[in-house]
Amino acid sequence: MPTTRPSRRSSTQTRTSSDGGARVRLIEATAKVMRDEGYAAATSRRVAAEAGVKQALVYYYFPTMDDLFVEVLRTGAEVSLERMRAALTDDDPLRTLWIINSDTRLSALSTEFMALANHRKAIRTELKTYAERVRDIEAAAVTVALRTRGIDLDEYPPVAISMLIAQTARSICNEEAVGVSAGHEQMRALVERHLDRLAAASAPSNP
């Protein structure tokens, strides 16, 4: 009788269901090592040890380390993009963007990917795609917020305002990561004051 070879899809499903989540653990372990120790520390041996699996499994699921890095970036990107989309319907989208971009855990991993992108074309391409999607979502959220408050969008371009909010928050995170704190308290206070004023401007007035 002829032997029927399993389809590629069924093989993948069998692999996924029988590996005890090894692939997911490798992705999570890589993100953790990059965040805590830097991308240079994320070797196949180190990642496997962190995930609690054999080193050979790294290349079983990911032909190259670049493939693993790209998957880590994509996985984290989808989570971040969902958080960004939520800002579009938040009562105070400007403050939401400030809070999201002030997350030091996300900032640390983003910094590592930026450094890695300088050496890996595949990472640079993926990071560019992600960054452009983020910028579009942030600008859309700010557009909604400014229009609601009756602010002139020509004088205050939403994409520029979104960049001011996001880049200021990320810069503070990056500086704090290396021990710099001068001016941070004052900058946060300044941003918070303006966010409070904008939030108040959109609140309905009492008759």
C-alpha atoms as a PDB file:
ATOM      1  CA  MET A   1       0.000   0.000   0.000  1.00  0.00           C
ATOM      2  CA  PRO A   2       1.265   3.519  -0.733  1.00  0.00           C
ATOM      3  CA  THR A   3       2.331   5.530   2.255  1.00  0.00           C
ATOM      4  CA  THR A   4       0.409   8.763   2.783  1.00  0.00           C
ATOM      5  CA  ARG A   5       2.679  11.580   3.904  1.00  0.00           C
ATOM      6  CA  PRO A   6       1.196  13.948   6.499  1.00  0.00           C
ATOM      7  CA  SER A   7       0.463  17.414   5.223  1.00  0.00           C
ATOM      8  CA  ARG A   8       2.709  20.285   6.230  1.00  0.00           C
ATOM      9  CA  ARG A   9      -0.196  21.805   8.163  1.00  0.00           C
ATOM     10  CA  SER A  10      -0.917  18.602  10.101  1.00  0.00           C
ATOM     11  CA  SER A  11       2.790  18.187  10.871  1.00  0.00           C
ATOM     12  CA  THR A  12       2.937  21.718  12.224  1.00  0.00           C
ATOM     13  CA  GLN A  13      -0.171  21.166  14.326  1.00  0.00           C
ATOM     14  CA  THR A  14       1.259  17.930  15.734  1.00  0.00           C
ATOM     15  CA  ARG A  15       4.542  19.665  16.517  1.00  0.00           C
ATOM     16  CA  THR A  16       2.791  22.553  18.231  1.00  0.00           C
ATOM     17  CA  SER A  17       0.516  20.359  20.313  1.00  0.00           C
ATOM     18  CA  SER A  18       3.249  17.958  21.408  1.00  0.00           C
ATOM     19  CA  ASP A  19       6.065  20.339  22.259  1.00  0.00           C
ATOM     20  CA  GLY A  20       4.592  21.526  25.553  1.00  0.00           C
ATOM     21  CA  GLY A  21       4.764  25.146  24.425  1.00  0.00           C
ATOM     22  CA  ALA A  22       8.514  25.064  23.764  1.00  0.00           C
ATOM     23  CA  ARG A  23       8.240  27.481  20.838  1.00  0.00           C
ATOM     24  CA  VAL A  24       6.336  30.017  22.899  1.00  0.00           C
ATOM     25  CA  ARG A  25       8.775  29.619  25.783  1.00  0.00           C
ATOM     26  CA  LEU A  26      11.686  30.278  23.441  1.00  0.00           C
ATOM     27  CA  ILE A  27      10.078  33.489  22.208  1.00  0.00           C
ATOM     28  CA  GLU A  28       9.344  34.643  25.752  1.00  0.00           C
ATOM     29  CA  ALA A  29      12.807  33.657  26.958  1.00  0.00           C
ATOM     30  CA  THR A  30      14.479  35.574  24.141  1.00  0.00           C
ATOM     31  CA  ALA A  31      12.500  38.714  24.971  1.00  0.00           C
ATOM     32  CA  LYS A  32      13.447  38.386  28.644  1.00  0.00           C
ATOM     33  CA  VAL A  33      17.156  37.880  27.950  1.00  0.00           C
ATOM     34  CA  MET A  34      17.212  40.822  25.533  1.00  0.00           C
ATOM     35  CA  ARG A  35      15.396  43.047  28.011  1.00  0.00           C
ATOM     36  CA  ASP A  36      17.482  42.057  31.040  1.00  0.00           C
ATOM     37  CA  GLU A  37      20.917  41.419  29.512  1.00  0.00           C
ATOM     38  CA  GLY A  38      20.909  42.911  26.015  1.00  0.00           C
ATOM     39  CA  TYR A  39      20.532  41.352  22.574  1.00  0.00           C
ATOM     40  CA  ALA A  40      24.159  40.200  22.476  1.00  0.00           C
ATOM     41  CA  ALA A  41      23.422  37.842  25.371  1.00  0.00           C
ATOM     42  CA  ALA A  42      20.550  36.196  23.480  1.00  0.00           C
ATOM     43  CA  THR A  43      22.507  33.269  22.058  1.00  0.00           C
ATOM     44  CA  SER A  44      20.874  29.945  21.233  1.00  0.00           C
ATOM     45  CA  ARG A  45      22.488  28.373  24.295  1.00  0.00           C
ATOM     46  CA  ARG A  46      21.413  31.166  26.649  1.00  0.00           C
ATOM     47  CA  VAL A  47      17.867  31.322  25.300  1.00  0.00           C
ATOM     48  CA  ALA A  48      17.447  27.544  25.510  1.00  0.00           C
ATOM     49  CA  ALA A  49      18.636  27.553  29.111  1.00  0.00           C
ATOM     50  CA  GLU A  50      16.217  30.364  30.004  1.00  0.00           C
ATOM     51  CA  ALA A  51      13.352  28.508  28.310  1.00  0.00           C
ATOM     52  CA  GLY A  52      14.283  25.219  29.958  1.00  0.00           C
ATOM     53  CA  VAL A  53      14.689  23.307  26.691  1.00  0.00           C
ATOM     54  CA  LYS A  54      17.532  21.701  24.751  1.00  0.00           C
ATOM     55  CA  GLN A  55      19.600  24.011  22.553  1.00  0.00           C
ATOM     56  CA  ALA A  56      18.747  21.960  19.456  1.00  0.00           C
ATOM     57  CA  LEU A  57      15.101  23.009  19.793  1.00  0.00           C
ATOM     58  CA  VAL A  58      16.037  26.611  19.040  1.00  0.00           C
ATOM     59  CA  TYR A  59      17.014  25.681  15.494  1.00  0.00           C
ATOM     60  CA  TYR A  60      14.222  23.134  15.237  1.00  0.00           C
ATOM     61  CA  TYR A  61      11.704  25.966  15.389  1.00  0.00           C
ATOM     62  CA  PHE A  62      13.847  28.811  14.043  1.00  0.00           C
ATOM     63  CA  PRO A  63      16.366  28.114  11.229  1.00  0.00           C
ATOM     64  CA  THR A  64      18.453  31.112  12.298  1.00  0.00           C
ATOM     65  CA  MET A  65      18.654  33.418  15.281  1.00  0.00           C
ATOM     66  CA  ASP A  66      17.391  36.205  13.029  1.00  0.00           C
ATOM     67  CA  ASP A  67      14.201  34.205  12.519  1.00  0.00           C
ATOM     68  CA  LEU A  68      13.810  33.961  16.277  1.00  0.00           C
ATOM     69  CA  PHE A  69      14.460  37.684  16.773  1.00  0.00           C
ATOM     70  CA  VAL A  70      11.907  38.558  14.084  1.00  0.00           C
ATOM     71  CA  GLU A  71       9.300  36.363  15.761  1.00  0.00           C
ATOM     72  CA  VAL A  72       9.981  37.991  19.127  1.00  0.00           C
ATOM     73  CA  LEU A  73       9.542  41.402  17.509  1.00  0.00           C
ATOM     74  CA  ARG A  74       6.319  40.389  15.751  1.00  0.00           C
ATOM     75  CA  THR A  75       4.833  38.847  18.882  1.00  0.00           C
ATOM     76  CA  GLY A  76       5.591  41.911  20.978  1.00  0.00           C
ATOM     77  CA  ALA A  77       4.450  44.213  18.187  1.00  0.00           C
ATOM     78  CA  GLU A  78       0.967  42.709  18.049  1.00  0.00           C
ATOM     79  CA  VAL A  79       0.522  43.170  21.792  1.00  0.00           C
ATOM     80  CA  SER A  80       1.750  46.770  21.593  1.00  0.00           C
ATOM     81  CA  LEU A  81      -0.449  47.566  18.603  1.00  0.00           C
ATOM     82  CA  GLU A  82      -3.529  46.306  20.429  1.00  0.00           C
ATOM     83  CA  ARG A  83      -2.693  48.608  23.336  1.00  0.00           C
ATOM     84  CA  MET A  84      -2.259  51.475  20.910  1.00  0.00           C
ATOM     85  CA  ARG A  85      -5.589  50.795  19.223  1.00  0.00           C
ATOM     86  CA  ALA A  86      -7.266  50.934  22.614  1.00  0.00           C
ATOM     87  CA  ALA A  87      -6.100  54.542  22.857  1.00  0.00           C
ATOM     88  CA  LEU A  88      -8.442  55.456  20.020  1.00  0.00           C
ATOM     89  CA  THR A  89     -11.478  54.757  22.174  1.00  0.00           C
ATOM     90  CA  ASP A  90     -10.066  55.797  25.544  1.00  0.00           C
ATOM     91  CA  ASP A  91     -11.654  58.738  27.339  1.00  0.00           C
ATOM     92  CA  ASP A  92      -8.255  60.443  27.426  1.00  0.00           C
ATOM     93  CA  PRO A  93      -6.217  59.089  24.472  1.00  0.00           C
ATOM     94  CA  LEU A  94      -3.404  61.607  24.891  1.00  0.00           C
ATOM     95  CA  ARG A  95      -2.713  60.491  28.452  1.00  0.00           C
ATOM     96  CA  THR A  96      -3.023  56.860  27.381  1.00  0.00           C
ATOM     97  CA  LEU A  97      -0.299  57.362  24.780  1.00  0.00           C
ATOM     98  CA  TRP A  98       1.890  59.020  27.405  1.00  0.00           C
ATOM     99  CA  ILE A  99       1.419  56.110  29.794  1.00  0.00           C
ATOM    100  CA  ILE A 100       2.000  53.453  27.138  1.00  0.00           C
ATOM    101  CA  ASN A 101       5.233  55.049  25.959  1.00  0.00           C
ATOM    102  CA  SER A 102       6.407  55.491  29.544  1.00  0.00           C
ATOM    103  CA  ASP A 103       6.453  51.708  30.072  1.00  0.00           C
ATOM    104  CA  THR A 104      10.129  50.999  30.810  1.00  0.00           C
ATOM    105  CA  ARG A 105       9.814  47.299  29.973  1.00  0.00           C
ATOM    106  CA  LEU A 106       8.638  48.045  26.448  1.00  0.00           C
ATOM    107  CA  SER A 107      11.171  50.828  26.077  1.00  0.00           C
ATOM    108  CA  ALA A 108      14.058  48.572  27.098  1.00  0.00           C
ATOM    109  CA  LEU A 109      13.168  45.892  24.557  1.00  0.00           C
ATOM    110  CA  SER A 110      12.596  48.487  21.850  1.00  0.00           C
ATOM    111  CA  THR A 111      16.062  49.923  22.487  1.00  0.00           C
ATOM    112  CA  GLU A 112      17.619  46.486  22.072  1.00  0.00           C
ATOM    113  CA  PHE A 113      15.831  45.938  18.779  1.00  0.00           C
ATOM    114  CA  MET A 114      16.974  49.343  17.555  1.00  0.00           C
ATOM    115  CA  ALA A 115      20.569  48.381  18.326  1.00  0.00           C
ATOM    116  CA  LEU A 116      20.126  44.972  16.716  1.00  0.00           C
ATOM    117  CA  ALA A 117      18.617  46.556  13.598  1.00  0.00           C
ATOM    118  CA  ASN A 118      21.911  48.346  12.970  1.00  0.00           C
ATOM    119  CA  HIS A 119      23.494  44.967  12.263  1.00  0.00           C
ATOM    120  CA  ARG A 120      20.643  42.810  10.939  1.00  0.00           C
ATOM    121  CA  LYS A 121      18.741  43.787   7.780  1.00  0.00           C
ATOM    122  CA  ALA A 122      15.826  41.454   8.562  1.00  0.00           C
ATOM    123  CA  ILE A 123      15.317  43.132  11.914  1.00  0.00           C
ATOM    124  CA  ARG A 124      15.613  46.600  10.393  1.00  0.00           C
ATOM    125  CA  THR A 125      12.905  45.806   7.819  1.00  0.00           C
ATOM    126  CA  GLU A 126      10.549  44.356  10.429  1.00  0.00           C
ATOM    127  CA  LEU A 127      11.170  47.217  12.852  1.00  0.00           C
ATOM    128  CA  LYS A 128      10.437  49.801  10.154  1.00  0.00           C
ATOM    129  CA  THR A 129       7.104  48.155   9.373  1.00  0.00           C
ATOM    130  CA  TYR A 130       6.163  48.061  13.039  1.00  0.00           C
ATOM    131  CA  ALA A 131       7.247  51.662  13.687  1.00  0.00           C
ATOM    132  CA  GLU A 132       5.164  52.946  10.787  1.00  0.00           C
ATOM    133  CA  ARG A 133       2.077  51.100  12.049  1.00  0.00           C
ATOM    134  CA  VAL A 134       2.606  52.521  15.526  1.00  0.00           C
ATOM    135  CA  ARG A 135       3.001  56.038  14.172  1.00  0.00           C
ATOM    136  CA  ASP A 136      -0.256  55.742  12.211  1.00  0.00           C
ATOM    137  CA  ILE A 137      -2.185  54.537  15.261  1.00  0.00           C
ATOM    138  CA  GLU A 138      -0.699  57.198  17.542  1.00  0.00           C
ATOM    139  CA  ALA A 139      -1.449  59.964  15.050  1.00  0.00           C
ATOM    140  CA  ALA A 140      -5.025  58.723  14.650  1.00  0.00           C
ATOM    141  CA  ALA A 141      -5.547  58.735  18.416  1.00  0.00           C
ATOM    142  CA  VAL A 142      -4.226  62.276  18.713  1.00  0.00           C
ATOM    143  CA  THR A 143      -6.357  63.415  15.759  1.00  0.00           C
ATOM    144  CA  VAL A 144      -9.482  62.228  17.573  1.00  0.00           C
ATOM    145  CA  ALA A 145      -8.397  63.901  20.814  1.00  0.00           C
ATOM    146  CA  LEU A 146      -7.517  67.256  19.261  1.00  0.00           C
ATOM    147  CA  ARG A 147     -10.605  67.389  17.058  1.00  0.00           C
ATOM    148  CA  THR A 148     -12.808  66.669  20.093  1.00  0.00           C
ATOM    149  CA  ARG A 149     -11.207  69.621  21.865  1.00  0.00           C
ATOM    150  CA  GLY A 150     -11.706  71.935  18.884  1.00  0.00           C
ATOM    151  CA  ILE A 151      -7.979  72.424  18.344  1.00  0.00           C
ATOM    152  CA  ASP A 152      -6.737  73.596  14.933  1.00  0.00           C
ATOM    153  CA  LEU A 153      -5.178  70.521  13.316  1.00  0.00           C
ATOM    154  CA  ASP A 154      -3.196  72.623  10.855  1.00  0.00           C
ATOM    155  CA  GLU A 155      -1.529  74.617  13.601  1.00  0.00           C
ATOM    156  CA  TYR A 156      -1.022  71.513  15.754  1.00  0.00           C
ATOM    157  CA  PRO A 157      -0.482  68.563  13.356  1.00  0.00           C
ATOM    158  CA  PRO A 158      -1.598  65.355  15.117  1.00  0.00           C
ATOM    159  CA  VAL A 159       1.417  63.362  13.917  1.00  0.00           C
ATOM    160  CA  ALA A 160       3.750  65.986  15.375  1.00  0.00           C
ATOM    161  CA  ILE A 161       1.895  66.061  18.702  1.00  0.00           C
ATOM    162  CA  SER A 162       1.902  62.265  18.864  1.00  0.00           C
ATOM    163  CA  MET A 163       5.654  62.258  18.258  1.00  0.00           C
ATOM    164  CA  LEU A 164       6.209  64.838  21.007  1.00  0.00           C
ATOM    165  CA  ILE A 165       4.269  62.715  23.487  1.00  0.00           C
ATOM    166  CA  ALA A 166       5.771  59.366  22.478  1.00  0.00           C
ATOM    167  CA  GLN A 167       9.354  60.455  21.936  1.00  0.00           C
ATOM    168  CA  THR A 168       9.483  62.471  25.160  1.00  0.00           C
ATOM    169  CA  ALA A 169       8.241  59.497  27.179  1.00  0.00           C
ATOM    170  CA  ARG A 170      10.644  57.091  25.470  1.00  0.00           C
ATOM    171  CA  SER A 171      13.575  59.457  25.888  1.00  0.00           C
ATOM    172  CA  ILE A 172      12.952  59.655  29.624  1.00  0.00           C
ATOM    173  CA  CYS A 173      12.843  55.846  29.825  1.00  0.00           C
ATOM    174  CA  ASN A 174      16.071  55.493  27.839  1.00  0.00           C
ATOM    175  CA  GLU A 175      17.887  58.021  29.983  1.00  0.00           C
ATOM    176  CA  GLU A 176      16.696  56.480  33.217  1.00  0.00           C
ATOM    177  CA  ALA A 177      17.977  53.111  31.992  1.00  0.00           C
ATOM    178  CA  VAL A 178      21.513  54.509  32.139  1.00  0.00           C
ATOM    179  CA  GLY A 179      21.011  56.450  35.364  1.00  0.00           C
ATOM    180  CA  VAL A 180      20.226  59.909  33.982  1.00  0.00           C
ATOM    181  CA  SER A 181      17.411  61.705  35.787  1.00  0.00           C
ATOM    182  CA  ALA A 182      18.155  65.427  35.492  1.00  0.00           C
ATOM    183  CA  GLY A 183      15.073  67.321  34.348  1.00  0.00           C
ATOM    184  CA  HIS A 184      12.815  64.269  34.328  1.00  0.00           C
ATOM    185  CA  GLU A 185      10.649  65.367  37.234  1.00  0.00           C
ATOM    186  CA  GLN A 186      10.121  68.787  35.683  1.00  0.00           C
ATOM    187  CA  MET A 187       9.390  67.322  32.236  1.00  0.00           C
ATOM    188  CA  ARG A 188       6.850  64.874  33.613  1.00  0.00           C
ATOM    189  CA  ALA A 189       5.162  67.660  35.586  1.00  0.00           C
ATOM    190  CA  LEU A 190       5.039  69.858  32.477  1.00  0.00           C
ATOM    191  CA  VAL A 191       3.507  67.116  30.351  1.00  0.00           C
ATOM    192  CA  GLU A 192       0.999  66.203  33.057  1.00  0.00           C
ATOM    193  CA  ARG A 193      -0.107  69.842  33.399  1.00  0.00           C
ATOM    194  CA  HIS A 194      -0.790  70.127  29.685  1.00  0.00           C
ATOM    195  CA  LEU A 195      -2.562  66.779  29.595  1.00  0.00           C
ATOM    196  CA  ASP A 196      -4.772  67.929  32.475  1.00  0.00           C
ATOM    197  CA  ARG A 197      -5.617  71.156  30.650  1.00  0.00           C
ATOM    198  CA  LEU A 198      -6.487  69.321  27.446  1.00  0.00           C
ATOM    199  CA  ALA A 199      -8.632  66.824  29.347  1.00  0.00           C
ATOM    200  CA  ALA A 200     -10.481  69.671  31.069  1.00  0.00           C
ATOM    201  CA  ALA A 201     -11.031  71.424  27.746  1.00  0.00           C
ATOM    202  CA  SER A 202     -13.010  68.456  26.468  1.00  0.00           C
ATOM    203  CA  ALA A 203     -15.147  68.049  29.582  1.00  0.00           C
ATOM    204  CA  PRO A 204     -18.761  69.164  29.107  1.00  0.00           C
ATOM    205  CA  SER A 205     -19.556  72.372  30.947  1.00  0.00           C
ATOM    206  CA  ASN A 206     -22.290  72.444  33.553  1.00  0.00           C
ATOM    207  CA  PRO A 207     -25.329  74.557  32.647  1.00  0.00           C
END
